[in-house]
Amino acid sequence: MSVLNNPYAAAKYLESDVTHADPARIIVLLYEGAIFRIGQAAQEMAKQNTLTSGIALYRALAIIAELRNSLNLEEGGEIARNLDRLYLHMHEELVKGHLARQPEPLERVRTLLSDLNSAWRQVAQQVKTLLGTGPGVPPQSVKPTGPPAYMQTDAAPRLALKA
């Protein structure tokens, strides 16, 4: 049985990816999880599968809430305040789209998250370069983090909060 066909092995790999990631990489993983879940919600919405769409959207909202809660508004200055407002806007758009059963607000949020994700990918790459660490090697100054609650055991890739 290959790693791809073994959900336990895949979950262990993802857990390792999260627990040994630097903070910038964790942000990237959170963005990817939210992007994936919003896409899933939009697809299920098109199929008129309200329950599955709602569950996927709930998971995306939970990730966005976690991103928002992780902001340090005191030390982060204007950037943190702007991100806080942007995350709140995303939350409102996702709820609005879900209630109206319209995928357009979901796609707008997905685009915003994709743009932010590409910027954070660059930051994560710069951090990796500055610290001189390779993939999968935790920086010595960063303790492994990442609660297993963020891991998903279903076949969908990446990171998301469990309902």
N, C-alpha and C. Protein backbone atom coordinates (compact mmCIF):
# COMPACT_ATOMS: atom_id res chain seq x y z
N MET A 1 0.85 -1.18 0.00
CA MET A 1 0.00 0.00 0.00
C MET A 1 0.89 1.24 0.00
N SER A 2 0.64 2.14 -0.91
CA SER A 2 1.47 3.35 -0.99
C SER A 2 0.99 4.40 0.00
N VAL A 3 1.82 5.39 0.22
CA VAL A 3 1.47 6.49 1.13
C VAL A 3 0.21 7.20 0.65
N LEU A 4 0.04 7.32 -0.66
CA LEU A 4 -1.12 8.02 -1.20
C LEU A 4 -2.42 7.28 -0.92
N ASN A 5 -2.37 5.96 -0.80
CA ASN A 5 -3.57 5.18 -0.55
C ASN A 5 -3.80 4.92 0.93
N ASN A 6 -2.89 5.33 1.78
CA ASN A 6 -3.00 5.10 3.21
C ASN A 6 -3.33 6.40 3.91
N PRO A 7 -4.59 6.58 4.36
CA PRO A 7 -4.98 7.84 5.00
C PRO A 7 -4.17 8.13 6.26
N TYR A 8 -3.81 7.09 7.01
CA TYR A 8 -3.02 7.29 8.23
C TYR A 8 -1.65 7.87 7.90
N ALA A 9 -1.00 7.32 6.88
CA ALA A 9 0.32 7.80 6.48
C ALA A 9 0.24 9.23 5.96
N ALA A 10 -0.80 9.52 5.18
CA ALA A 10 -0.97 10.87 4.66
C ALA A 10 -1.20 11.86 5.81
N ALA A 11 -2.02 11.47 6.78
CA ALA A 11 -2.29 12.34 7.93
C ALA A 11 -1.01 12.58 8.74
N LYS A 12 -0.20 11.53 8.91
CA LYS A 12 1.07 11.69 9.64
C LYS A 12 2.02 12.63 8.90
N TYR A 13 2.06 12.51 7.57
CA TYR A 13 2.90 13.38 6.76
C TYR A 13 2.46 14.83 6.94
N LEU A 14 1.15 15.09 6.83
CA LEU A 14 0.64 16.45 6.97
C LEU A 14 0.88 16.98 8.38
N GLU A 15 0.72 16.12 9.38
CA GLU A 15 0.97 16.55 10.75
C GLU A 15 2.43 16.96 10.91
N SER A 16 3.33 16.19 10.32
CA SER A 16 4.75 16.52 10.36
C SER A 16 5.01 17.84 9.65
N ASP A 17 4.34 18.05 8.52
CA ASP A 17 4.49 19.29 7.76
C ASP A 17 4.10 20.49 8.62
N VAL A 18 3.04 20.36 9.39
CA VAL A 18 2.57 21.47 10.21
C VAL A 18 3.41 21.63 11.46
N THR A 19 3.72 20.54 12.15
CA THR A 19 4.43 20.66 13.42
C THR A 19 5.87 21.12 13.25
N HIS A 20 6.45 20.94 12.06
CA HIS A 20 7.82 21.37 11.85
C HIS A 20 7.93 22.62 10.98
N ALA A 21 6.83 23.26 10.72
CA ALA A 21 6.83 24.43 9.86
C ALA A 21 7.11 25.71 10.66
N ASP A 22 7.76 26.64 10.01
CA ASP A 22 7.95 27.94 10.62
C ASP A 22 6.63 28.71 10.52
N PRO A 23 6.47 29.80 11.27
CA PRO A 23 5.20 30.52 11.27
C PRO A 23 4.73 30.99 9.88
N ALA A 24 5.64 31.40 9.04
CA ALA A 24 5.25 31.85 7.69
C ALA A 24 4.66 30.69 6.89
N ARG A 25 5.25 29.51 7.03
CA ARG A 25 4.74 28.33 6.32
C ARG A 25 3.36 27.95 6.86
N ILE A 26 3.14 28.09 8.15
CA ILE A 26 1.83 27.78 8.73
C ILE A 26 0.77 28.71 8.16
N ILE A 27 1.10 29.98 7.99
CA ILE A 27 0.16 30.93 7.38
C ILE A 27 -0.18 30.48 5.96
N VAL A 28 0.83 30.06 5.21
CA VAL A 28 0.61 29.57 3.84
C VAL A 28 -0.33 28.36 3.87
N LEU A 29 -0.09 27.44 4.79
CA LEU A 29 -0.95 26.26 4.89
C LEU A 29 -2.38 26.63 5.27
N LEU A 30 -2.54 27.60 6.14
CA LEU A 30 -3.89 28.05 6.50
C LEU A 30 -4.60 28.67 5.29
N TYR A 31 -3.89 29.51 4.56
CA TYR A 31 -4.48 30.08 3.35
C TYR A 31 -4.89 28.99 2.37
N GLU A 32 -4.01 28.03 2.17
CA GLU A 32 -4.32 26.95 1.22
C GLU A 32 -5.54 26.15 1.69
N GLY A 33 -5.64 25.93 2.99
CA GLY A 33 -6.80 25.22 3.52
C GLY A 33 -8.09 25.99 3.29
N ALA A 34 -8.05 27.29 3.52
CA ALA A 34 -9.24 28.12 3.32
C ALA A 34 -9.61 28.17 1.83
N ILE A 35 -8.62 28.32 0.98
CA ILE A 35 -8.86 28.36 -0.47
C ILE A 35 -9.50 27.06 -0.92
N PHE A 36 -8.97 25.95 -0.45
CA PHE A 36 -9.51 24.64 -0.82
C PHE A 36 -10.96 24.51 -0.36
N ARG A 37 -11.23 24.87 0.90
CA ARG A 37 -12.58 24.72 1.44
C ARG A 37 -13.58 25.65 0.75
N ILE A 38 -13.17 26.84 0.39
CA ILE A 38 -14.07 27.75 -0.32
C ILE A 38 -14.38 27.19 -1.70
N GLY A 39 -13.38 26.66 -2.36
CA GLY A 39 -13.61 26.03 -3.66
C GLY A 39 -14.56 24.86 -3.54
N GLN A 40 -14.37 24.06 -2.50
CA GLN A 40 -15.25 22.93 -2.24
C GLN A 40 -16.68 23.42 -1.99
N ALA A 41 -16.83 24.47 -1.20
CA ALA A 41 -18.16 25.02 -0.91
C ALA A 41 -18.84 25.52 -2.18
N ALA A 42 -18.08 26.19 -3.04
CA ALA A 42 -18.65 26.71 -4.29
C ALA A 42 -19.09 25.57 -5.20
N GLN A 43 -18.31 24.51 -5.27
CA GLN A 43 -18.68 23.35 -6.09
C GLN A 43 -19.95 22.70 -5.56
N GLU A 44 -20.03 22.53 -4.27
CA GLU A 44 -21.22 21.91 -3.67
C GLU A 44 -22.43 22.83 -3.79
N MET A 45 -22.19 24.13 -3.75
CA MET A 45 -23.29 25.08 -3.93
C MET A 45 -23.86 24.95 -5.34
N ALA A 46 -22.98 24.77 -6.33
CA ALA A 46 -23.43 24.60 -7.72
C ALA A 46 -24.26 23.33 -7.88
N LYS A 47 -23.95 22.32 -7.07
CA LYS A 47 -24.70 21.06 -7.10
C LYS A 47 -25.97 21.13 -6.23
N GLN A 48 -26.17 22.28 -5.60
CA GLN A 48 -27.28 22.52 -4.68
C GLN A 48 -27.24 21.57 -3.48
N ASN A 49 -26.05 21.24 -3.07
CA ASN A 49 -25.84 20.42 -1.89
C ASN A 49 -25.54 21.35 -0.72
N THR A 50 -26.59 21.84 -0.09
CA THR A 50 -26.46 22.87 0.93
C THR A 50 -25.68 22.41 2.15
N LEU A 51 -25.91 21.18 2.59
CA LEU A 51 -25.24 20.70 3.79
C LEU A 51 -23.72 20.62 3.59
N THR A 52 -23.28 19.97 2.53
CA THR A 52 -21.85 19.83 2.28
C THR A 52 -21.20 21.18 2.02
N SER A 53 -21.92 22.03 1.31
CA SER A 53 -21.42 23.38 1.05
C SER A 53 -21.27 24.14 2.37
N GLY A 54 -22.25 24.02 3.24
CA GLY A 54 -22.20 24.71 4.53
C GLY A 54 -21.07 24.22 5.41
N ILE A 55 -20.82 22.92 5.39
CA ILE A 55 -19.73 22.36 6.20
C ILE A 55 -18.38 22.87 5.69
N ALA A 56 -18.19 22.85 4.38
CA ALA A 56 -16.94 23.35 3.81
C ALA A 56 -16.76 24.83 4.11
N LEU A 57 -17.84 25.57 4.02
CA LEU A 57 -17.77 27.00 4.30
C LEU A 57 -17.48 27.26 5.77
N TYR A 58 -18.08 26.46 6.64
CA TYR A 58 -17.82 26.59 8.07
C TYR A 58 -16.33 26.39 8.35
N ARG A 59 -15.73 25.40 7.70
CA ARG A 59 -14.30 25.15 7.90
C ARG A 59 -13.45 26.30 7.39
N ALA A 60 -13.83 26.88 6.26
CA ALA A 60 -13.10 28.04 5.74
C ALA A 60 -13.24 29.22 6.69
N LEU A 61 -14.44 29.43 7.22
CA LEU A 61 -14.66 30.52 8.16
C LEU A 61 -13.84 30.32 9.44
N ALA A 62 -13.72 29.09 9.88
CA ALA A 62 -12.92 28.80 11.07
C ALA A 62 -11.45 29.12 10.83
N ILE A 63 -10.97 28.81 9.65
CA ILE A 63 -9.57 29.13 9.32
C ILE A 63 -9.37 30.63 9.28
N ILE A 64 -10.29 31.34 8.66
CA ILE A 64 -10.18 32.80 8.60
C ILE A 64 -10.25 33.40 10.00
N ALA A 65 -11.11 32.85 10.85
CA ALA A 65 -11.17 33.32 12.24
C ALA A 65 -9.85 33.08 12.96
N GLU A 66 -9.22 31.94 12.70
CA GLU A 66 -7.93 31.65 13.31
C GLU A 66 -6.86 32.62 12.81
N LEU A 67 -6.87 32.91 11.51
CA LEU A 67 -5.93 33.90 10.97
C LEU A 67 -6.14 35.25 11.63
N ARG A 68 -7.40 35.61 11.81
CA ARG A 68 -7.72 36.90 12.42
C ARG A 68 -7.29 36.93 13.89
N ASN A 69 -7.52 35.83 14.61
CA ASN A 69 -7.14 35.76 16.02
C ASN A 69 -5.63 35.76 16.21
N SER A 70 -4.89 35.34 15.20
CA SER A 70 -3.44 35.26 15.33
C SER A 70 -2.77 36.62 15.13
N LEU A 71 -3.52 37.61 14.69
CA LEU A 71 -2.93 38.93 14.47
C LEU A 71 -2.57 39.60 15.79
N ASN A 72 -1.43 40.26 15.81
CA ASN A 72 -1.02 41.05 16.96
C ASN A 72 -1.31 42.51 16.61
N LEU A 73 -2.49 42.97 17.00
CA LEU A 73 -2.92 44.31 16.61
C LEU A 73 -2.12 45.41 17.30
N GLU A 74 -1.54 45.11 18.46
CA GLU A 74 -0.75 46.12 19.17
C GLU A 74 0.61 46.34 18.51
N GLU A 75 1.29 45.26 18.18
CA GLU A 75 2.63 45.38 17.61
C GLU A 75 2.64 45.34 16.09
N GLY A 76 1.55 44.88 15.48
CA GLY A 76 1.51 44.72 14.03
C GLY A 76 1.24 46.00 13.26
N GLY A 77 0.85 47.04 13.98
CA GLY A 77 0.62 48.33 13.35
C GLY A 77 -0.49 48.32 12.33
N GLU A 78 -0.33 49.15 11.32
CA GLU A 78 -1.36 49.33 10.31
C GLU A 78 -1.58 48.07 9.46
N ILE A 79 -0.52 47.32 9.23
CA ILE A 79 -0.66 46.10 8.43
C ILE A 79 -1.59 45.11 9.14
N ALA A 80 -1.39 44.93 10.44
CA ALA A 80 -2.25 44.01 11.20
C ALA A 80 -3.69 44.52 11.22
N ARG A 81 -3.87 45.81 11.40
CA ARG A 81 -5.24 46.37 11.41
C ARG A 81 -5.91 46.20 10.05
N ASN A 82 -5.15 46.41 8.96
CA ASN A 82 -5.72 46.21 7.62
C ASN A 82 -6.07 44.75 7.36
N LEU A 83 -5.20 43.84 7.79
CA LEU A 83 -5.50 42.42 7.64
C LEU A 83 -6.74 42.04 8.46
N ASP A 84 -6.85 42.60 9.64
CA ASP A 84 -8.02 42.33 10.48
C ASP A 84 -9.30 42.75 9.76
N ARG A 85 -9.29 43.94 9.19
CA ARG A 85 -10.47 44.41 8.44
C ARG A 85 -10.73 43.54 7.20
N LEU A 86 -9.66 43.13 6.54
CA LEU A 86 -9.80 42.28 5.36
C LEU A 86 -10.38 40.92 5.72
N TYR A 87 -9.90 40.32 6.81
CA TYR A 87 -10.44 39.03 7.24
C TYR A 87 -11.91 39.17 7.64
N LEU A 88 -12.27 40.26 8.30
CA LEU A 88 -13.67 40.49 8.65
C LEU A 88 -14.52 40.62 7.39
N HIS A 89 -14.01 41.35 6.40
CA HIS A 89 -14.72 41.49 5.12
C HIS A 89 -14.90 40.13 4.46
N MET A 90 -13.86 39.31 4.48
CA MET A 90 -13.95 37.97 3.90
C MET A 90 -15.03 37.15 4.59
N HIS A 91 -15.05 37.22 5.90
CA HIS A 91 -16.06 36.50 6.67
C HIS A 91 -17.46 36.93 6.25
N GLU A 92 -17.66 38.22 6.18
CA GLU A 92 -18.98 38.74 5.80
C GLU A 92 -19.36 38.32 4.39
N GLU A 93 -18.42 38.35 3.46
CA GLU A 93 -18.70 37.95 2.08
C GLU A 93 -19.06 36.47 1.98
N LEU A 94 -18.34 35.65 2.73
CA LEU A 94 -18.63 34.21 2.69
C LEU A 94 -20.02 33.92 3.25
N VAL A 95 -20.36 34.56 4.34
CA VAL A 95 -21.69 34.36 4.92
C VAL A 95 -22.77 34.88 3.97
N LYS A 96 -22.54 36.05 3.40
CA LYS A 96 -23.48 36.62 2.44
C LYS A 96 -23.70 35.69 1.25
N GLY A 97 -22.63 35.17 0.70
CA GLY A 97 -22.73 34.25 -0.43
C GLY A 97 -23.46 32.97 -0.07
N HIS A 98 -23.19 32.46 1.12
CA HIS A 98 -23.86 31.23 1.56
C HIS A 98 -25.36 31.45 1.73
N LEU A 99 -25.71 32.54 2.39
CA LEU A 99 -27.13 32.81 2.64
C LEU A 99 -27.90 33.05 1.34
N ALA A 100 -27.26 33.73 0.39
CA ALA A 100 -27.91 34.01 -0.90
C ALA A 100 -27.75 32.86 -1.88
N ARG A 101 -26.96 31.86 -1.48
CA ARG A 101 -26.65 30.72 -2.36
C ARG A 101 -26.08 31.19 -3.70
N GLN A 102 -25.15 32.13 -3.59
CA GLN A 102 -24.48 32.68 -4.77
C GLN A 102 -22.98 32.45 -4.63
N PRO A 103 -22.35 31.84 -5.62
CA PRO A 103 -20.92 31.55 -5.52
C PRO A 103 -20.00 32.75 -5.77
N GLU A 104 -20.53 33.84 -6.31
CA GLU A 104 -19.66 34.98 -6.65
C GLU A 104 -18.93 35.56 -5.44
N PRO A 105 -19.60 35.80 -4.30
CA PRO A 105 -18.84 36.31 -3.15
C PRO A 105 -17.76 35.33 -2.68
N LEU A 106 -18.04 34.04 -2.79
CA LEU A 106 -17.06 33.04 -2.40
C LEU A 106 -15.83 33.12 -3.31
N GLU A 107 -16.07 33.29 -4.59
CA GLU A 107 -14.95 33.39 -5.54
C GLU A 107 -14.14 34.66 -5.32
N ARG A 108 -14.81 35.76 -4.93
CA ARG A 108 -14.06 36.99 -4.64
C ARG A 108 -13.13 36.78 -3.44
N VAL A 109 -13.63 36.11 -2.42
CA VAL A 109 -12.80 35.85 -1.23
C VAL A 109 -11.67 34.89 -1.60
N ARG A 110 -11.99 33.91 -2.40
CA ARG A 110 -10.96 32.96 -2.83
C ARG A 110 -9.83 33.67 -3.59
N THR A 111 -10.20 34.63 -4.42
CA THR A 111 -9.19 35.42 -5.15
C THR A 111 -8.33 36.23 -4.18
N LEU A 112 -8.97 36.87 -3.19
CA LEU A 112 -8.22 37.63 -2.19
C LEU A 112 -7.24 36.73 -1.44
N LEU A 113 -7.73 35.56 -1.02
CA LEU A 113 -6.87 34.64 -0.30
C LEU A 113 -5.73 34.13 -1.17
N SER A 114 -6.00 33.91 -2.44
CA SER A 114 -4.94 33.45 -3.36
C SER A 114 -3.86 34.51 -3.51
N ASP A 115 -4.26 35.77 -3.60
CA ASP A 115 -3.29 36.86 -3.69
C ASP A 115 -2.44 36.94 -2.42
N LEU A 116 -3.10 36.87 -1.27
CA LEU A 116 -2.37 36.89 0.00
C LEU A 116 -1.45 35.68 0.12
N ASN A 117 -1.94 34.54 -0.33
CA ASN A 117 -1.16 33.31 -0.26
C ASN A 117 0.13 33.42 -1.07
N SER A 118 0.03 33.98 -2.26
CA SER A 118 1.25 34.11 -3.08
C SER A 118 2.26 35.04 -2.40
N ALA A 119 1.77 36.09 -1.75
CA ALA A 119 2.68 36.99 -1.03
C ALA A 119 3.33 36.26 0.16
N TRP A 120 2.53 35.49 0.90
CA TRP A 120 3.07 34.76 2.04
C TRP A 120 4.01 33.64 1.61
N ARG A 121 3.78 33.07 0.43
CA ARG A 121 4.71 32.06 -0.09
C ARG A 121 6.09 32.68 -0.30
N GLN A 122 6.11 33.91 -0.81
CA GLN A 122 7.38 34.60 -1.01
C GLN A 122 8.06 34.87 0.34
N VAL A 123 7.25 35.28 1.32
CA VAL A 123 7.80 35.52 2.67
C VAL A 123 8.36 34.22 3.24
N ALA A 124 7.61 33.13 3.11
CA ALA A 124 8.06 31.84 3.63
C ALA A 124 9.37 31.42 2.96
N GLN A 125 9.47 31.66 1.66
CA GLN A 125 10.70 31.30 0.94
C GLN A 125 11.87 32.16 1.42
N GLN A 126 11.62 33.45 1.65
CA GLN A 126 12.68 34.32 2.16
C GLN A 126 13.12 33.91 3.56
N VAL A 127 12.16 33.53 4.40
CA VAL A 127 12.49 33.08 5.75
C VAL A 127 13.35 31.83 5.68
N LYS A 128 12.96 30.90 4.81
CA LYS A 128 13.72 29.66 4.66
C LYS A 128 15.13 29.96 4.19
N THR A 129 15.26 30.89 3.25
CA THR A 129 16.58 31.25 2.74
C THR A 129 17.42 31.92 3.82
N LEU A 130 16.81 32.84 4.57
CA LEU A 130 17.56 33.55 5.62
C LEU A 130 18.00 32.62 6.73
N LEU A 131 17.15 31.66 7.07
CA LEU A 131 17.50 30.74 8.15
C LEU A 131 18.35 29.59 7.67
N GLY A 132 18.44 29.44 6.35
CA GLY A 132 19.27 28.38 5.79
C GLY A 132 18.73 26.99 6.06
N THR A 133 17.42 26.86 6.13
CA THR A 133 16.83 25.55 6.38
C THR A 133 16.25 25.01 5.10
N GLY A 134 16.29 23.72 4.98
CA GLY A 134 15.68 23.05 3.83
C GLY A 134 14.25 22.69 4.15
N PRO A 135 13.54 22.15 3.18
CA PRO A 135 12.16 21.75 3.42
C PRO A 135 12.10 20.63 4.45
N GLY A 136 11.14 20.77 5.38
CA GLY A 136 10.94 19.74 6.38
C GLY A 136 11.87 19.84 7.57
N VAL A 137 12.81 20.80 7.58
CA VAL A 137 13.73 20.96 8.70
C VAL A 137 13.29 22.17 9.49
N PRO A 138 12.90 21.99 10.76
CA PRO A 138 12.45 23.14 11.51
C PRO A 138 13.59 24.06 11.86
N PRO A 139 13.38 25.37 11.78
CA PRO A 139 14.42 26.30 12.21
C PRO A 139 14.70 26.08 13.69
N GLN A 140 15.93 26.24 14.11
CA GLN A 140 16.28 25.99 15.50
C GLN A 140 15.61 26.96 16.45
N SER A 141 15.32 28.17 16.02
CA SER A 141 14.73 29.16 16.91
C SER A 141 13.21 29.05 17.01
N VAL A 142 12.61 28.15 16.23
CA VAL A 142 11.16 28.01 16.24
C VAL A 142 10.80 26.64 16.78
N LYS A 143 9.98 26.63 17.84
CA LYS A 143 9.54 25.36 18.39
C LYS A 143 8.44 24.80 17.51
N PRO A 144 8.40 23.47 17.35
CA PRO A 144 7.33 22.87 16.57
C PRO A 144 5.97 23.20 17.17
N THR A 145 5.04 23.57 16.32
CA THR A 145 3.70 23.92 16.77
C THR A 145 2.69 23.29 15.83
N GLY A 146 1.42 23.56 16.09
CA GLY A 146 0.38 23.10 15.18
C GLY A 146 -0.45 22.00 15.76
N PRO A 147 -1.56 22.35 16.38
CA PRO A 147 -2.39 21.33 16.99
C PRO A 147 -2.96 20.37 15.96
N PRO A 148 -3.06 19.10 16.32
CA PRO A 148 -3.62 18.11 15.39
C PRO A 148 -5.05 18.44 14.99
N ALA A 149 -5.74 19.33 15.70
CA ALA A 149 -7.11 19.69 15.34
C ALA A 149 -7.18 20.31 13.96
N TYR A 150 -6.06 20.85 13.48
CA TYR A 150 -6.05 21.45 12.15
C TYR A 150 -5.92 20.41 11.05
N MET A 151 -5.59 19.20 11.43
CA MET A 151 -5.38 18.17 10.44
C MET A 151 -6.71 17.56 10.03
N GLN A 152 -6.79 17.19 8.81
CA GLN A 152 -7.98 16.52 8.33
C GLN A 152 -7.60 15.12 7.92
N THR A 153 -8.47 14.18 8.19
CA THR A 153 -8.15 12.80 7.89
C THR A 153 -8.83 12.32 6.62
N ASP A 154 -9.72 13.13 6.05
CA ASP A 154 -10.37 12.71 4.80
C ASP A 154 -9.38 12.87 3.65
N ALA A 155 -9.80 12.48 2.47
CA ALA A 155 -8.89 12.42 1.32
C ALA A 155 -8.52 13.79 0.76
N ALA A 156 -9.18 14.85 1.18
CA ALA A 156 -8.92 16.18 0.65
C ALA A 156 -7.53 16.65 1.09
N PRO A 157 -6.80 17.32 0.21
CA PRO A 157 -5.47 17.76 0.55
C PRO A 157 -5.46 18.98 1.46
N ARG A 158 -4.38 19.15 2.13
CA ARG A 158 -4.02 20.32 2.88
C ARG A 158 -4.61 20.41 4.26
N LEU A 159 -4.83 21.62 4.71
CA LEU A 159 -5.08 21.92 6.09
C LEU A 159 -6.45 22.52 6.27
N ALA A 160 -7.16 22.12 7.25
CA ALA A 160 -8.47 22.70 7.54
C ALA A 160 -8.86 22.32 8.96
N LEU A 161 -9.72 23.11 9.53
CA LEU A 161 -10.22 22.80 10.86
C LEU A 161 -11.33 21.78 10.76
N LYS A 162 -11.38 20.91 11.72
CA LYS A 162 -12.46 19.93 11.75
C LYS A 162 -13.70 20.55 12.37
N ALA A 163 -14.84 20.19 11.84
CA ALA A 163 -16.10 20.71 12.38
C ALA A 163 -16.44 20.00 13.66
